[in-house]
Protein backbone atom coordinates (compact mmCIF):
# COMPACT_ATOMS: atom_id res chain seq x y z
CA MET A 1 12.01 -7.37 -13.80
CA ILE A 2 11.86 -8.29 -10.13
CA ASP A 3 12.57 -11.77 -9.31
CA GLN A 4 10.14 -14.13 -7.10
CA ALA A 5 12.15 -14.52 -4.15
CA THR A 6 12.75 -10.66 -3.92
CA ALA A 7 9.19 -9.84 -4.71
CA GLN A 8 7.98 -12.39 -2.05
CA LYS A 9 10.22 -10.79 0.61
CA LEU A 10 9.15 -7.26 -0.17
CA ALA A 11 5.57 -8.50 -0.02
CA GLU A 12 5.70 -10.20 3.19
CA GLU A 13 7.59 -7.28 4.83
CA TRP A 14 4.82 -4.88 3.51
CA ILE A 15 2.06 -7.03 5.10
CA GLU A 16 3.91 -7.47 8.30
CA ALA A 17 4.50 -3.77 8.79
CA TRP A 18 0.90 -2.83 8.05
CA ASN A 19 -0.43 -5.48 10.43
CA ALA A 20 2.04 -4.05 13.14
CA HIS A 21 0.48 -0.77 12.46
CA ASP A 22 4.05 0.48 12.33
CA LEU A 23 3.55 3.65 10.00
CA GLU A 24 7.44 4.42 9.92
CA ARG A 25 8.06 0.96 8.67
CA ILE A 26 5.18 0.89 6.08
CA LEU A 27 6.67 4.13 4.75
CA SER A 28 9.94 2.78 4.51
CA HIS A 29 8.58 1.04 1.52
CA TYR A 30 8.15 4.40 -0.39
CA THR A 31 9.82 7.23 -2.06
CA ASP A 32 9.57 10.72 -0.86
CA ASP A 33 7.77 11.66 -4.00
CA PHE A 34 5.50 8.73 -3.67
CA ILE A 35 1.88 9.30 -5.32
CA MET A 36 -1.34 7.07 -4.25
CA GLU A 37 -4.50 6.68 -5.94
CA SER A 38 -7.42 5.40 -4.05
CA PRO A 39 -11.14 5.35 -3.79
CA LEU A 40 -10.71 5.44 0.03
CA ALA A 41 -8.50 8.72 -0.29
CA LEU A 42 -11.27 10.16 -2.43
CA LYS A 43 -13.64 9.33 0.34
CA ARG A 44 -11.54 10.27 3.41
CA ILE A 45 -10.04 13.54 1.66
CA PRO A 46 -12.36 14.47 -1.07
CA GLU A 47 -10.21 17.45 -1.99
CA THR A 48 -7.32 15.17 -3.24
CA GLY A 49 -9.65 13.85 -6.08
CA GLY A 50 -8.31 10.32 -4.79
CA VAL A 51 -4.73 11.31 -5.49
CA VAL A 52 -2.41 11.67 -2.59
CA LYS A 53 1.16 13.16 -3.71
CA GLY A 54 4.13 13.02 -1.39
CA LYS A 55 5.09 10.77 1.48
CA GLU A 56 4.19 13.39 4.10
CA ALA A 57 0.39 13.63 2.70
CA VAL A 58 0.24 9.81 2.38
CA ARG A 59 1.51 9.52 5.94
CA ALA A 60 -1.37 11.87 7.03
CA TYR A 61 -3.97 9.83 4.99
CA TRP A 62 -2.62 6.17 6.37
CA LYS A 63 -2.43 7.51 9.66
CA MET A 64 -6.02 8.47 9.31
CA GLY A 65 -6.92 4.95 7.99
CA LEU A 66 -4.99 3.20 10.92
CA GLU A 67 -7.09 5.22 13.47
CA ALA A 68 -10.22 4.43 11.68
CA ILE A 69 -9.67 0.78 11.83
CA PRO A 70 -7.65 -0.11 14.88
CA SER A 71 -8.24 -3.88 14.11
CA LEU A 72 -6.77 -3.51 10.66
CA ARG A 73 -5.04 -6.65 9.50
CA PHE A 74 -4.22 -7.66 6.37
CA GLU A 75 -4.13 -11.41 4.80
CA LEU A 76 -1.93 -11.92 1.50
CA HIS A 77 -3.65 -14.13 -1.12
CA GLU A 78 -1.70 -13.44 -3.96
CA LEU A 79 1.43 -11.74 -5.28
CA LEU A 80 1.76 -10.68 -9.10
CA ILE A 81 4.94 -9.55 -10.55
CA GLY A 82 5.31 -7.26 -13.44
CA VAL A 83 8.28 -5.38 -15.20
CA ASN A 84 8.53 -2.73 -12.70
CA GLY A 85 6.24 -3.66 -10.01
CA ILE A 86 4.15 -5.65 -8.15
CA THR A 87 0.47 -6.45 -7.36
CA LEU A 88 -0.71 -7.32 -3.97
CA PHE A 89 -4.20 -9.20 -3.60
CA TYR A 90 -5.27 -9.35 0.17
CA THR A 91 -8.39 -8.99 2.43
CA ASN A 92 -8.41 -6.53 5.34
CA ARG A 93 -9.78 -9.04 7.95
CA ALA A 94 -11.18 -6.33 9.74
CA THR A 95 -13.59 -5.19 7.23
CA GLY A 96 -13.66 -8.28 4.99
CA LYS A 97 -12.85 -5.94 1.87
CA ARG A 98 -10.39 -7.55 -0.69
CA THR A 99 -7.97 -5.11 -2.33
CA ALA A 100 -5.42 -5.31 -5.24
CA GLU A 101 -2.80 -2.93 -4.70
CA VAL A 102 -0.59 -2.15 -7.55
CA LEU A 103 2.81 -0.83 -6.61
CA PHE A 104 5.53 0.57 -9.20
CA LEU A 105 9.14 0.24 -7.96
CA ASN A 106 12.11 1.86 -8.44
CA ALA A 107 15.83 0.49 -8.87
CA ASP A 108 15.88 0.36 -5.18
CA LEU A 109 12.61 -1.62 -4.87
CA LYS A 110 10.82 1.42 -3.33
CA ALA A 111 7.26 2.29 -4.46
CA TYR A 112 6.89 5.41 -6.30
CA ARG A 113 3.61 4.99 -7.67
CA GLY A 114 0.45 2.94 -6.10
CA TYR A 115 -3.03 2.21 -7.06
CA ALA A 116 -5.59 0.59 -5.03
CA PHE A 117 -8.67 -1.36 -6.19
CA TYR A 118 -11.46 -2.61 -3.96
CA ASN A 119 -14.41 -4.99 -4.07
């Protein structure tokens, strides 16, 4: 299980990378075979069925998102810790949309699977 201090550091780095709009820094938190499931993926790339597979496909999806919302800025409200992962509860200040993002982590603390849930 991930400890509180490690999880907090990971969450802060994750938020900072997104707020910097630094796609390479964002992607550094994920494995090459990362799989992301998101209602926004279904909306933006319908042929995925909402499931984006592989770091390169996720890169294209998130690049699209960063371009669509140039003022994107996340505010972390709460960090929840599980056995093999974390959940980040945050608000996108540009859109007001609240999100719970569940990330399953490997032994190197890289996310290999993610799920996003929106209000």
